[in-house]
Amino acid sequence: MFNERVQDRGARRAQTGEAVLAAARELFREGGYAGTTIRQIAQRAGVSVGTVMGVGDKSALLVRSFEDWIAEVHAERTAAGASAAGDAVRAAGGAGGKKGARKRAGASRPLAPVDAVMALFAPFIEYFGQDLELSRAYAAVLVAGPAPGAGAGSLAAGAEAGAGAGAEAERPAIFGSLGRALLGEIVAVLKNAGLAHPKRRARALYYAYLGVLLTAASGAVAYEDVTARVREAVAAILGGAR
């Protein structure tokens, strides 16, 4: 009975959190980040202001709304990759084994490294441009970092593996678990292409991509130029690996 009550409370808390996040996402899109208040979010979600603040303040809700979407992209990629791998194994077993698999692999040529890396970045660049005001507010929160005394240190440091659980909870996931997910995808692309120093290059690509997006958020680079600027950086880091 006790465990059931605890589980019920946990489920209700999760449902309330999702309702608050959904309300925040809707209002941010409708009225902009600056024009949205915690009270409006509470009214839309049907909860108290205190309940909203228990989920997060306005900046935390903005970060979570972006992070949830980014996490969905990575989850879909992981699922698609697992499905493709399973299909390849089954096809190889049913049509000539390894020889048949090699023949089919040759028929479907992989993307060049620069194109493959750009394909990883493309959904995020596109999402950034769907609402520039909101994306700039999100970037401003990321640059501002944790509140004084939070002890999370450099936000960018969280993209490296090995961050502690406490620091992980205090920094945006894009510099923690989501950053590592993207780094892992980039490393896989570079390894598949047979490029030297894949981890080192992946870090450089990751920081270059973030740098261009944050520069665009400041207004120093027009959004229309973001893809070209990121591609220039990717090509420079990968050298002649077109």
C-alpha atoms as a PDB file:
ATOM      1  CA  MET A   1       0.000   0.000   0.000  1.00  0.00           C
ATOM      2  CA  PHE A   2       2.755   2.429   0.956  1.00  0.00           C
ATOM      3  CA  ASN A   3       4.651   1.797  -2.274  1.00  0.00           C
ATOM      4  CA  GLU A   4       1.473   2.259  -4.291  1.00  0.00           C
ATOM      5  CA  ARG A   5       0.806   5.630  -2.636  1.00  0.00           C
ATOM      6  CA  VAL A   6       4.368   6.740  -3.330  1.00  0.00           C
ATOM      7  CA  GLN A   7       4.036   5.664  -6.966  1.00  0.00           C
ATOM      8  CA  ASP A   8       0.699   7.479  -7.272  1.00  0.00           C
ATOM      9  CA  ARG A   9       2.206  10.675  -5.883  1.00  0.00           C
ATOM     10  CA  GLY A  10       5.141  10.345  -8.251  1.00  0.00           C
ATOM     11  CA  ALA A  11       2.821   9.836 -11.223  1.00  0.00           C
ATOM     12  CA  ARG A  12       0.700  12.847 -10.254  1.00  0.00           C
ATOM     13  CA  ARG A  13       3.816  14.969  -9.828  1.00  0.00           C
ATOM     14  CA  ALA A  14       5.051  13.937 -13.265  1.00  0.00           C
ATOM     15  CA  GLN A  15       1.661  14.704 -14.829  1.00  0.00           C
ATOM     16  CA  THR A  16       1.604  18.122 -13.180  1.00  0.00           C
ATOM     17  CA  GLY A  17       5.112  18.831 -14.424  1.00  0.00           C
ATOM     18  CA  GLU A  18       4.142  17.882 -17.971  1.00  0.00           C
ATOM     19  CA  ALA A  19       1.050  20.105 -17.786  1.00  0.00           C
ATOM     20  CA  VAL A  20       3.165  23.048 -16.631  1.00  0.00           C
ATOM     21  CA  LEU A  21       5.747  22.477 -19.371  1.00  0.00           C
ATOM     22  CA  ALA A  22       3.046  22.146 -22.033  1.00  0.00           C
ATOM     23  CA  ALA A  23       1.434  25.397 -20.879  1.00  0.00           C
ATOM     24  CA  ALA A  24       4.793  27.178 -20.874  1.00  0.00           C
ATOM     25  CA  ARG A  25       5.623  25.956 -24.391  1.00  0.00           C
ATOM     26  CA  GLU A  26       2.266  27.143 -25.723  1.00  0.00           C
ATOM     27  CA  LEU A  27       2.509  30.567 -24.109  1.00  0.00           C
ATOM     28  CA  PHE A  28       6.132  31.093 -25.141  1.00  0.00           C
ATOM     29  CA  ARG A  29       5.125  30.436 -28.753  1.00  0.00           C
ATOM     30  CA  GLU A  30       1.982  32.560 -28.544  1.00  0.00           C
ATOM     31  CA  GLY A  31       3.223  35.609 -26.669  1.00  0.00           C
ATOM     32  CA  GLY A  32       6.989  35.337 -26.642  1.00  0.00           C
ATOM     33  CA  TYR A  33       9.302  34.661 -23.726  1.00  0.00           C
ATOM     34  CA  ALA A  34       9.363  38.230 -22.399  1.00  0.00           C
ATOM     35  CA  GLY A  35       5.584  38.532 -22.673  1.00  0.00           C
ATOM     36  CA  THR A  36       4.846  35.367 -20.700  1.00  0.00           C
ATOM     37  CA  THR A  37       4.446  35.395 -16.922  1.00  0.00           C
ATOM     38  CA  ILE A  38       4.500  32.618 -14.341  1.00  0.00           C
ATOM     39  CA  ARG A  39       0.920  33.532 -13.418  1.00  0.00           C
ATOM     40  CA  GLN A  40      -0.198  33.008 -17.031  1.00  0.00           C
ATOM     41  CA  ILE A  41       1.522  29.623 -17.107  1.00  0.00           C
ATOM     42  CA  ALA A  42      -0.213  28.654 -13.858  1.00  0.00           C
ATOM     43  CA  GLN A  43      -3.611  29.688 -15.219  1.00  0.00           C
ATOM     44  CA  ARG A  44      -3.087  27.797 -18.479  1.00  0.00           C
ATOM     45  CA  ALA A  45      -1.946  24.654 -16.627  1.00  0.00           C
ATOM     46  CA  GLY A  46      -4.710  24.931 -14.020  1.00  0.00           C
ATOM     47  CA  VAL A  47      -2.316  24.984 -11.065  1.00  0.00           C
ATOM     48  CA  SER A  48      -1.011  27.491  -8.530  1.00  0.00           C
ATOM     49  CA  VAL A  49       1.933  29.830  -9.057  1.00  0.00           C
ATOM     50  CA  GLY A  50       3.768  27.922  -6.321  1.00  0.00           C
ATOM     51  CA  THR A  51       3.263  24.662  -8.213  1.00  0.00           C
ATOM     52  CA  VAL A  52       4.743  26.199 -11.357  1.00  0.00           C
ATOM     53  CA  MET A  53       7.765  27.433  -9.409  1.00  0.00           C
ATOM     54  CA  GLY A  54       8.134  23.935  -7.992  1.00  0.00           C
ATOM     55  CA  VAL A  55       8.625  22.714 -11.559  1.00  0.00           C
ATOM     56  CA  GLY A  56      10.922  25.605 -12.462  1.00  0.00           C
ATOM     57  CA  ASP A  57      11.166  29.341 -12.944  1.00  0.00           C
ATOM     58  CA  LYS A  58      10.543  30.873 -16.365  1.00  0.00           C
ATOM     59  CA  SER A  59      14.092  30.417 -17.640  1.00  0.00           C
ATOM     60  CA  ALA A  60      14.175  26.794 -16.458  1.00  0.00           C
ATOM     61  CA  LEU A  61      10.878  26.088 -18.221  1.00  0.00           C
ATOM     62  CA  LEU A  62      12.242  27.612 -21.424  1.00  0.00           C
ATOM     63  CA  VAL A  63      15.360  25.450 -21.250  1.00  0.00           C
ATOM     64  CA  ARG A  64      13.286  22.333 -20.532  1.00  0.00           C
ATOM     65  CA  SER A  65      10.997  23.030 -23.492  1.00  0.00           C
ATOM     66  CA  PHE A  66      14.011  23.091 -25.824  1.00  0.00           C
ATOM     67  CA  GLU A  67      15.725  20.154 -24.136  1.00  0.00           C
ATOM     68  CA  ASP A  68      12.671  17.911 -24.379  1.00  0.00           C
ATOM     69  CA  TRP A  69      12.499  18.460 -28.135  1.00  0.00           C
ATOM     70  CA  ILE A  70      16.252  17.896 -28.550  1.00  0.00           C
ATOM     71  CA  ALA A  71      15.996  14.679 -26.526  1.00  0.00           C
ATOM     72  CA  GLU A  72      13.216  13.462 -28.830  1.00  0.00           C
ATOM     73  CA  VAL A  73      15.468  13.981 -31.869  1.00  0.00           C
ATOM     74  CA  HIS A  74      18.250  11.906 -30.305  1.00  0.00           C
ATOM     75  CA  ALA A  75      15.793   9.189 -29.224  1.00  0.00           C
ATOM     76  CA  GLU A  76      14.380   8.958 -32.749  1.00  0.00           C
ATOM     77  CA  ARG A  77      17.893   8.707 -34.198  1.00  0.00           C
ATOM     78  CA  THR A  78      18.805   5.948 -31.754  1.00  0.00           C
ATOM     79  CA  ALA A  79      15.639   4.017 -32.588  1.00  0.00           C
ATOM     80  CA  ALA A  80      16.165   4.506 -36.324  1.00  0.00           C
ATOM     81  CA  GLY A  81      19.778   3.357 -36.047  1.00  0.00           C
ATOM     82  CA  ALA A  82      18.832   0.219 -34.121  1.00  0.00           C
ATOM     83  CA  SER A  83      16.076  -0.575 -36.608  1.00  0.00           C
ATOM     84  CA  ALA A  84      18.405  -0.100 -39.583  1.00  0.00           C
ATOM     85  CA  ALA A  85      21.057  -2.318 -37.985  1.00  0.00           C
ATOM     86  CA  GLY A  86      18.503  -5.050 -37.339  1.00  0.00           C
ATOM     87  CA  ASP A  87      17.207  -4.855 -40.899  1.00  0.00           C
ATOM     88  CA  ALA A  88      20.754  -5.149 -42.252  1.00  0.00           C
ATOM     89  CA  VAL A  89      21.491  -8.233 -40.136  1.00  0.00           C
ATOM     90  CA  ARG A  90      18.243  -9.936 -41.152  1.00  0.00           C
ATOM     91  CA  ALA A  91      18.781  -9.085 -44.811  1.00  0.00           C
ATOM     92  CA  ALA A  92      22.353 -10.382 -44.699  1.00  0.00           C
ATOM     93  CA  GLY A  93      21.200 -13.678 -43.223  1.00  0.00           C
ATOM     94  CA  GLY A  94      18.514 -14.145 -45.852  1.00  0.00           C
ATOM     95  CA  ALA A  95      20.380 -13.150 -48.984  1.00  0.00           C
ATOM     96  CA  GLY A  96      23.906 -14.360 -49.266  1.00  0.00           C
ATOM     97  CA  GLY A  97      25.201 -13.634 -45.759  1.00  0.00           C
ATOM     98  CA  LYS A  98      28.159 -11.264 -45.500  1.00  0.00           C
ATOM     99  CA  LYS A  99      28.717 -11.258 -49.246  1.00  0.00           C
ATOM    100  CA  GLY A 100      25.124 -10.124 -49.843  1.00  0.00           C
ATOM    101  CA  ALA A 101      25.420  -7.492 -47.113  1.00  0.00           C
ATOM    102  CA  ARG A 102      28.578  -6.072 -48.691  1.00  0.00           C
ATOM    103  CA  LYS A 103      26.885  -5.948 -52.087  1.00  0.00           C
ATOM    104  CA  ARG A 104      23.893  -4.043 -50.690  1.00  0.00           C
ATOM    105  CA  ALA A 105      26.176  -1.706 -48.744  1.00  0.00           C
ATOM    106  CA  GLY A 106      27.903  -0.790 -51.967  1.00  0.00           C
ATOM    107  CA  ALA A 107      24.563  -0.009 -53.594  1.00  0.00           C
ATOM    108  CA  SER A 108      23.718   2.527 -50.859  1.00  0.00           C
ATOM    109  CA  ARG A 109      26.672   4.878 -50.641  1.00  0.00           C
ATOM    110  CA  PRO A 110      27.098   6.699 -47.298  1.00  0.00           C
ATOM    111  CA  LEU A 111      27.144  10.469 -47.095  1.00  0.00           C
ATOM    112  CA  ALA A 112      30.487  12.247 -47.276  1.00  0.00           C
ATOM    113  CA  PRO A 113      31.744  13.167 -43.762  1.00  0.00           C
ATOM    114  CA  VAL A 114      30.938  16.880 -44.077  1.00  0.00           C
ATOM    115  CA  ASP A 115      27.421  16.120 -45.325  1.00  0.00           C
ATOM    116  CA  ALA A 116      26.891  13.474 -42.635  1.00  0.00           C
ATOM    117  CA  VAL A 117      27.895  15.868 -39.846  1.00  0.00           C
ATOM    118  CA  MET A 118      25.713  18.617 -41.301  1.00  0.00           C
ATOM    119  CA  ALA A 119      22.804  16.162 -41.362  1.00  0.00           C
ATOM    120  CA  LEU A 120      23.240  15.767 -37.589  1.00  0.00           C
ATOM    121  CA  PHE A 121      23.159  19.533 -37.043  1.00  0.00           C
ATOM    122  CA  ALA A 122      20.395  20.339 -39.553  1.00  0.00           C
ATOM    123  CA  PRO A 123      17.283  19.665 -37.398  1.00  0.00           C
ATOM    124  CA  PHE A 124      18.622  21.833 -34.577  1.00  0.00           C
ATOM    125  CA  ILE A 125      19.541  24.699 -36.909  1.00  0.00           C
ATOM    126  CA  GLU A 126      16.079  24.514 -38.472  1.00  0.00           C
ATOM    127  CA  TYR A 127      14.366  24.466 -35.067  1.00  0.00           C
ATOM    128  CA  PHE A 128      16.432  27.473 -33.974  1.00  0.00           C
ATOM    129  CA  GLY A 129      15.035  29.432 -36.913  1.00  0.00           C
ATOM    130  CA  GLN A 130      11.373  28.601 -36.311  1.00  0.00           C
ATOM    131  CA  ASP A 131      11.106  31.264 -33.593  1.00  0.00           C
ATOM    132  CA  LEU A 132      14.208  33.448 -33.477  1.00  0.00           C
ATOM    133  CA  GLU A 133      13.012  35.531 -30.520  1.00  0.00           C
ATOM    134  CA  LEU A 134      12.460  32.426 -28.423  1.00  0.00           C
ATOM    135  CA  SER A 135      15.726  30.847 -29.564  1.00  0.00           C
ATOM    136  CA  ARG A 136      17.622  34.010 -28.651  1.00  0.00           C
ATOM    137  CA  ALA A 137      16.041  33.992 -25.198  1.00  0.00           C
ATOM    138  CA  TYR A 138      17.084  30.344 -24.816  1.00  0.00           C
ATOM    139  CA  ALA A 139      20.639  31.154 -25.900  1.00  0.00           C
ATOM    140  CA  ALA A 140      20.762  34.054 -23.432  1.00  0.00           C
ATOM    141  CA  VAL A 141      19.812  31.696 -20.598  1.00  0.00           C
ATOM    142  CA  LEU A 142      22.537  29.249 -21.660  1.00  0.00           C
ATOM    143  CA  VAL A 143      25.173  31.987 -21.801  1.00  0.00           C
ATOM    144  CA  ALA A 144      24.107  33.396 -18.422  1.00  0.00           C
ATOM    145  CA  GLY A 145      24.770  30.008 -16.836  1.00  0.00           C
ATOM    146  CA  PRO A 146      23.643  28.810 -13.401  1.00  0.00           C
ATOM    147  CA  ALA A 147      22.785  31.221 -10.626  1.00  0.00           C
ATOM    148  CA  PRO A 148      25.698  32.408  -8.443  1.00  0.00           C
ATOM    149  CA  GLY A 149      26.575  29.772  -5.885  1.00  0.00           C
ATOM    150  CA  ALA A 150      25.091  26.899  -7.877  1.00  0.00           C
ATOM    151  CA  GLY A 151      28.555  25.409  -8.145  1.00  0.00           C
ATOM    152  CA  ALA A 152      28.138  23.957 -11.611  1.00  0.00           C
ATOM    153  CA  GLY A 153      31.255  25.629 -12.974  1.00  0.00           C
ATOM    154  CA  SER A 154      31.638  26.143 -16.701  1.00  0.00           C
ATOM    155  CA  LEU A 155      28.534  25.144 -18.628  1.00  0.00           C
ATOM    156  CA  ALA A 156      30.545  23.946 -21.598  1.00  0.00           C
ATOM    157  CA  ALA A 157      32.516  21.582 -19.387  1.00  0.00           C
ATOM    158  CA  GLY A 158      29.406  19.454 -18.964  1.00  0.00           C
ATOM    159  CA  ALA A 159      29.584  18.282 -22.559  1.00  0.00           C
ATOM    160  CA  GLU A 160      32.623  16.232 -21.630  1.00  0.00           C
ATOM    161  CA  ALA A 161      31.993  12.816 -20.115  1.00  0.00           C
ATOM    162  CA  GLY A 162      32.392  12.303 -16.405  1.00  0.00           C
ATOM    163  CA  ALA A 163      30.368  15.194 -14.969  1.00  0.00           C
ATOM    164  CA  GLY A 164      29.122  14.496 -11.445  1.00  0.00           C
ATOM    165  CA  ALA A 165      25.451  13.889 -10.749  1.00  0.00           C
ATOM    166  CA  GLY A 166      25.095  17.123  -8.759  1.00  0.00           C
ATOM    167  CA  ALA A 167      26.620  19.306 -11.445  1.00  0.00           C
ATOM    168  CA  GLU A 168      24.615  17.449 -14.086  1.00  0.00           C
ATOM    169  CA  ALA A 169      21.360  18.439 -12.391  1.00  0.00           C
ATOM    170  CA  GLU A 170      22.376  22.106 -12.170  1.00  0.00           C
ATOM    171  CA  ARG A 171      23.334  22.757 -15.787  1.00  0.00           C
ATOM    172  CA  PRO A 172      21.281  22.654 -18.994  1.00  0.00           C
ATOM    173  CA  ALA A 173      21.282  19.154 -20.469  1.00  0.00           C
ATOM    174  CA  ILE A 174      22.608  20.506 -23.768  1.00  0.00           C
ATOM    175  CA  PHE A 175      25.920  20.852 -21.915  1.00  0.00           C
ATOM    176  CA  GLY A 176      25.480  17.493 -20.197  1.00  0.00           C
ATOM    177  CA  SER A 177      23.620  14.389 -21.351  1.00  0.00           C
ATOM    178  CA  LEU A 178      22.311  15.923 -24.589  1.00  0.00           C
ATOM    179  CA  GLY A 179      25.736  17.315 -25.421  1.00  0.00           C
ATOM    180  CA  ARG A 180      27.266  13.872 -24.947  1.00  0.00           C
ATOM    181  CA  ALA A 181      24.547  12.356 -27.138  1.00  0.00           C
ATOM    182  CA  LEU A 182      25.401  14.705 -30.005  1.00  0.00           C
ATOM    183  CA  LEU A 183      29.133  14.197 -29.480  1.00  0.00           C
ATOM    184  CA  GLY A 184      28.596  10.441 -29.631  1.00  0.00           C
ATOM    185  CA  GLU A 185      26.718  10.749 -32.913  1.00  0.00           C
ATOM    186  CA  ILE A 186      29.482  12.890 -34.405  1.00  0.00           C
ATOM    187  CA  VAL A 187      32.172  10.463 -33.234  1.00  0.00           C
ATOM    188  CA  ALA A 188      30.275   7.580 -34.861  1.00  0.00           C
ATOM    189  CA  VAL A 189      30.140   9.453 -38.182  1.00  0.00           C
ATOM    190  CA  LEU A 190      33.866  10.218 -38.098  1.00  0.00           C
ATOM    191  CA  LYS A 191      34.784   6.651 -37.142  1.00  0.00           C
ATOM    192  CA  ASN A 192      32.649   5.263 -39.950  1.00  0.00           C
ATOM    193  CA  ALA A 193      34.483   7.589 -42.335  1.00  0.00           C
ATOM    194  CA  GLY A 194      37.836   6.292 -41.060  1.00  0.00           C
ATOM    195  CA  LEU A 195      39.025   9.750 -39.988  1.00  0.00           C
ATOM    196  CA  ALA A 196      41.849  10.131 -37.492  1.00  0.00           C
ATOM    197  CA  HIS A 197      41.245  11.542 -33.993  1.00  0.00           C
ATOM    198  CA  PRO A 198      37.431  11.241 -34.125  1.00  0.00           C
ATOM    199  CA  LYS A 199      36.849  12.285 -30.496  1.00  0.00           C
ATOM    200  CA  ARG A 200      39.082  15.336 -30.739  1.00  0.00           C
ATOM    201  CA  ARG A 201      37.514  16.397 -34.010  1.00  0.00           C
ATOM    202  CA  ALA A 202      34.008  15.746 -32.675  1.00  0.00           C
ATOM    203  CA  ARG A 203      34.619  18.128 -29.774  1.00  0.00           C
ATOM    204  CA  ALA A 204      35.886  20.799 -32.157  1.00  0.00           C
ATOM    205  CA  LEU A 205      32.835  20.333 -34.396  1.00  0.00           C
ATOM    206  CA  TYR A 206      30.455  20.475 -31.445  1.00  0.00           C
ATOM    207  CA  TYR A 207      31.921  23.704 -30.083  1.00  0.00           C
ATOM    208  CA  ALA A 208      32.091  25.289 -33.544  1.00  0.00           C
ATOM    209  CA  TYR A 209      28.418  24.485 -34.156  1.00  0.00           C
ATOM    210  CA  LEU A 210      27.376  25.891 -30.772  1.00  0.00           C
ATOM    211  CA  GLY A 211      29.555  28.942 -31.331  1.00  0.00           C
ATOM    212  CA  VAL A 212      27.856  29.796 -34.614  1.00  0.00           C
ATOM    213  CA  LEU A 213      24.383  29.355 -33.099  1.00  0.00           C
ATOM    214  CA  LEU A 214      25.200  31.525 -30.087  1.00  0.00           C
ATOM    215  CA  THR A 215      26.764  34.146 -32.350  1.00  0.00           C
ATOM    216  CA  ALA A 216      23.593  34.135 -34.454  1.00  0.00           C
ATOM    217  CA  ALA A 217      21.555  34.525 -31.267  1.00  0.00           C
ATOM    218  CA  SER A 218      23.504  37.704 -30.509  1.00  0.00           C
ATOM    219  CA  GLY A 219      22.582  39.080 -33.932  1.00  0.00           C
ATOM    220  CA  ALA A 220      26.182  39.146 -35.179  1.00  0.00           C
ATOM    221  CA  VAL A 221      25.367  36.470 -37.774  1.00  0.00           C
ATOM    222  CA  ALA A 222      22.100  36.441 -39.729  1.00  0.00           C
ATOM    223  CA  TYR A 223      20.093  33.252 -39.322  1.00  0.00           C
ATOM    224  CA  GLU A 224      20.086  32.830 -43.115  1.00  0.00           C
ATOM    225  CA  ASP A 225      23.886  32.464 -42.952  1.00  0.00           C
ATOM    226  CA  VAL A 226      24.011  29.968 -40.078  1.00  0.00           C
ATOM    227  CA  THR A 227      24.037  26.786 -42.165  1.00  0.00           C
ATOM    228  CA  ALA A 228      26.767  28.125 -44.459  1.00  0.00           C
ATOM    229  CA  ARG A 229      28.894  29.257 -41.503  1.00  0.00           C
ATOM    230  CA  VAL A 230      28.531  25.911 -39.729  1.00  0.00           C
ATOM    231  CA  ARG A 231      29.388  24.068 -42.936  1.00  0.00           C
ATOM    232  CA  GLU A 232      32.514  26.213 -43.383  1.00  0.00           C
ATOM    233  CA  ALA A 233      33.632  25.296 -39.867  1.00  0.00           C
ATOM    234  CA  VAL A 234      32.890  21.596 -40.388  1.00  0.00           C
ATOM    235  CA  ALA A 235      34.828  21.543 -43.674  1.00  0.00           C
ATOM    236  CA  ALA A 236      37.787  23.337 -42.081  1.00  0.00           C
ATOM    237  CA  ILE A 237      37.939  20.933 -39.128  1.00  0.00           C
ATOM    238  CA  LEU A 238      37.617  17.843 -41.306  1.00  0.00           C
ATOM    239  CA  GLY A 239      40.099  19.139 -43.870  1.00  0.00           C
ATOM    240  CA  GLY A 240      39.811  17.418 -47.235  1.00  0.00           C
ATOM    241  CA  ALA A 241      37.250  14.870 -46.022  1.00  0.00           C
ATOM    242  CA  ARG A 242      34.433  16.035 -48.283  1.00  0.00           C
END
